[in-house]
C-alpha atoms as a PDB file:
ATOM      1  CA  MET A   1     -16.286 -26.539   5.884  1.00  0.00           C
ATOM      2  CA  THR A   2     -14.601 -23.401   4.542  1.00  0.00           C
ATOM      3  CA  THR A   3     -16.020 -20.988   1.985  1.00  0.00           C
ATOM      4  CA  LYS A   4     -14.079 -20.303  -1.212  1.00  0.00           C
ATOM      5  CA  LEU A   5     -12.757 -16.779  -1.576  1.00  0.00           C
ATOM      6  CA  GLU A   6     -14.274 -15.736  -4.893  1.00  0.00           C
ATOM      7  CA  ARG A   7     -14.686 -11.971  -4.431  1.00  0.00           C
ATOM      8  CA  PRO A   8     -13.007  -9.273  -2.356  1.00  0.00           C
ATOM      9  CA  LEU A   9     -13.591  -9.230   1.395  1.00  0.00           C
ATOM     10  CA  LYS A  10     -13.047  -5.794   3.007  1.00  0.00           C
ATOM     11  CA  ARG A  11     -12.578  -5.017   6.681  1.00  0.00           C
ATOM     12  CA  GLU A  12     -11.668  -1.834   8.522  1.00  0.00           C
ATOM     13  CA  LEU A  13      -9.028  -1.824  11.242  1.00  0.00           C
ATOM     14  CA  VAL A  14      -7.137   0.763  13.263  1.00  0.00           C
ATOM     15  CA  ILE A  15      -3.326   0.714  13.383  1.00  0.00           C
ATOM     16  CA  GLY A  16      -1.502   3.300  15.465  1.00  0.00           C
ATOM     17  CA  GLY A  17      -4.698   5.318  15.820  1.00  0.00           C
ATOM     18  CA  GLU A  18      -5.185   5.566  12.021  1.00  0.00           C
ATOM     19  CA  PRO A  19      -7.996   3.773  10.125  1.00  0.00           C
ATOM     20  CA  TYR A  20      -7.045   1.317   7.370  1.00  0.00           C
ATOM     21  CA  THR A  21      -8.980  -0.879   4.954  1.00  0.00           C
ATOM     22  CA  LEU A  22      -7.829  -4.494   4.555  1.00  0.00           C
ATOM     23  CA  THR A  23      -8.961  -6.183   1.332  1.00  0.00           C
ATOM     24  CA  VAL A  24      -8.509  -9.932   0.930  1.00  0.00           C
ATOM     25  CA  ASP A  25      -9.218 -11.343  -2.545  1.00  0.00           C
ATOM     26  CA  PRO A  26      -8.229 -14.388  -4.619  1.00  0.00           C
ATOM     27  CA  GLN A  27      -5.023 -12.648  -5.811  1.00  0.00           C
ATOM     28  CA  GLY A  28      -3.709 -11.555  -2.397  1.00  0.00           C
ATOM     29  CA  LEU A  29      -4.197  -8.907   0.242  1.00  0.00           C
ATOM     30  CA  LYS A  30      -4.038  -5.121   0.274  1.00  0.00           C
ATOM     31  CA  LEU A  31      -3.771  -2.740   3.242  1.00  0.00           C
ATOM     32  CA  VAL A  32      -4.631   0.893   2.441  1.00  0.00           C
ATOM     33  CA  PRO A  33      -5.026   3.969   4.654  1.00  0.00           C
ATOM     34  CA  LYS A  34      -8.743   4.800   4.772  1.00  0.00           C
ATOM     35  CA  ALA A  35      -9.913   7.102   1.946  1.00  0.00           C
ATOM     36  CA  LYS A  36      -6.657   6.589  -0.002  1.00  0.00           C
ATOM     37  CA  ARG A  37      -5.932   4.595  -3.154  1.00  0.00           C
ATOM     38  CA  ARG A  38      -2.347   3.457  -2.612  1.00  0.00           C
ATOM     39  CA  GLY A  39      -1.166   1.125   0.097  1.00  0.00           C
ATOM     40  CA  TYR A  40       0.614  -2.161   0.717  1.00  0.00           C
ATOM     41  CA  GLU A  41      -0.022  -5.201  -1.506  1.00  0.00           C
ATOM     42  CA  LEU A  42       1.096  -8.806  -1.214  1.00  0.00           C
ATOM     43  CA  ASP A  43       0.252 -11.623  -3.653  1.00  0.00           C
ATOM     44  CA  TRP A  44      -0.598 -15.042  -2.221  1.00  0.00           C
ATOM     45  CA  GLU A  45       2.123 -16.761  -4.269  1.00  0.00           C
ATOM     46  CA  ALA A  46       4.760 -14.439  -2.805  1.00  0.00           C
ATOM     47  CA  PHE A  47       3.360 -15.149   0.643  1.00  0.00           C
ATOM     48  CA  VAL A  48       3.573 -18.959   0.445  1.00  0.00           C
ATOM     49  CA  SER A  49       6.706 -19.404  -1.680  1.00  0.00           C
ATOM     50  CA  GLY A  50       9.246 -18.837   1.097  1.00  0.00           C
ATOM     51  CA  ASP A  51      11.157 -16.274   3.127  1.00  0.00           C
ATOM     52  CA  ALA A  52      13.285 -14.843   0.303  1.00  0.00           C
ATOM     53  CA  ALA A  53      10.307 -14.262  -1.986  1.00  0.00           C
ATOM     54  CA  LEU A  54       8.261 -12.880   0.883  1.00  0.00           C
ATOM     55  CA  ALA A  55      10.998 -10.431   1.864  1.00  0.00           C
ATOM     56  CA  THR A  56      11.331  -9.316  -1.759  1.00  0.00           C
ATOM     57  CA  ALA A  57       7.580  -8.812  -2.085  1.00  0.00           C
ATOM     58  CA  LEU A  58       7.403  -6.913   1.193  1.00  0.00           C
ATOM     59  CA  ASN A  59      10.268  -4.628   0.179  1.00  0.00           C
ATOM     60  CA  ALA A  60       8.634  -3.991  -3.205  1.00  0.00           C
ATOM     61  CA  SER A  61       5.346  -3.259  -1.460  1.00  0.00           C
ATOM     62  CA  LEU A  62       7.041  -0.831   0.930  1.00  0.00           C
ATOM     63  CA  ALA A  63       8.695   0.920  -1.999  1.00  0.00           C
ATOM     64  CA  LYS A  64       5.230   1.504  -3.515  1.00  0.00           C
ATOM     65  CA  ALA A  65       3.725   2.638  -0.197  1.00  0.00           C
ATOM     66  CA  PRO A  66       2.726   6.221   0.517  1.00  0.00           C
ATOM     67  CA  GLN A  67       5.582   8.323   1.850  1.00  0.00           C
ATOM     68  CA  SER A  68       5.185   9.392   5.483  1.00  0.00           C
ATOM     69  CA  GLY A  69       7.197  12.596   5.010  1.00  0.00           C
ATOM     70  CA  ALA A  70       5.019  13.962   2.206  1.00  0.00           C
ATOM     71  CA  SER A  71       4.125  17.637   2.067  1.00  0.00           C
ATOM     72  CA  PRO A  72       1.070  18.725   4.072  1.00  0.00           C
ATOM     73  CA  ARG A  73      -2.259  18.819   2.261  1.00  0.00           C
ATOM     74  CA  GLY A  74      -3.219  22.066   0.613  1.00  0.00           C
ATOM     75  CA  LYS A  75       0.357  23.387   0.548  1.00  0.00           C
ATOM     76  CA  PRO A  76       1.900  22.783  -2.870  1.00  0.00           C
ATOM     77  CA  GLN A  77       5.657  22.669  -3.087  1.00  0.00           C
ATOM     78  CA  PRO A  78       7.234  25.775  -4.688  1.00  0.00           C
ATOM     79  CA  HIS A  79       8.143  25.384  -8.333  1.00  0.00           C
ATOM     80  CA  LYS A  80      11.809  26.059  -9.074  1.00  0.00           C
ATOM     81  CA  ARG A  81      12.430  27.825 -12.363  1.00  0.00           C
ATOM     82  CA  LYS A  82      15.526  27.263 -14.447  1.00  0.00           C
ATOM     83  CA  ARG A  83      17.530  30.337 -15.355  1.00  0.00           C
ATOM     84  CA  ARG A  84      18.109  31.008 -18.996  1.00  0.00           C
ATOM     85  CA  GLY A  85      21.593  31.324 -20.377  1.00  0.00           C
ATOM     86  CA  ALA A  86      23.305  29.795 -17.398  1.00  0.00           C
END
């Protein structure tokens, strides 16, 4: 007999040497780098509705994912000022 999924279930896993948190809940699943807020999300309906919907959901999830080429921590990007009268 299976148990109904009524609240979030969280598990930690390591992918490519980096820790991630996998959350499975009644709405879908979410994979987030440990100690971060943004990650990959996939709704259950998108998962079971077919290949086209799944590909669309995965692409949308990847578009929302953290960028791997982001600036290093603690080093803000220089602010470019606009010249007046140009």
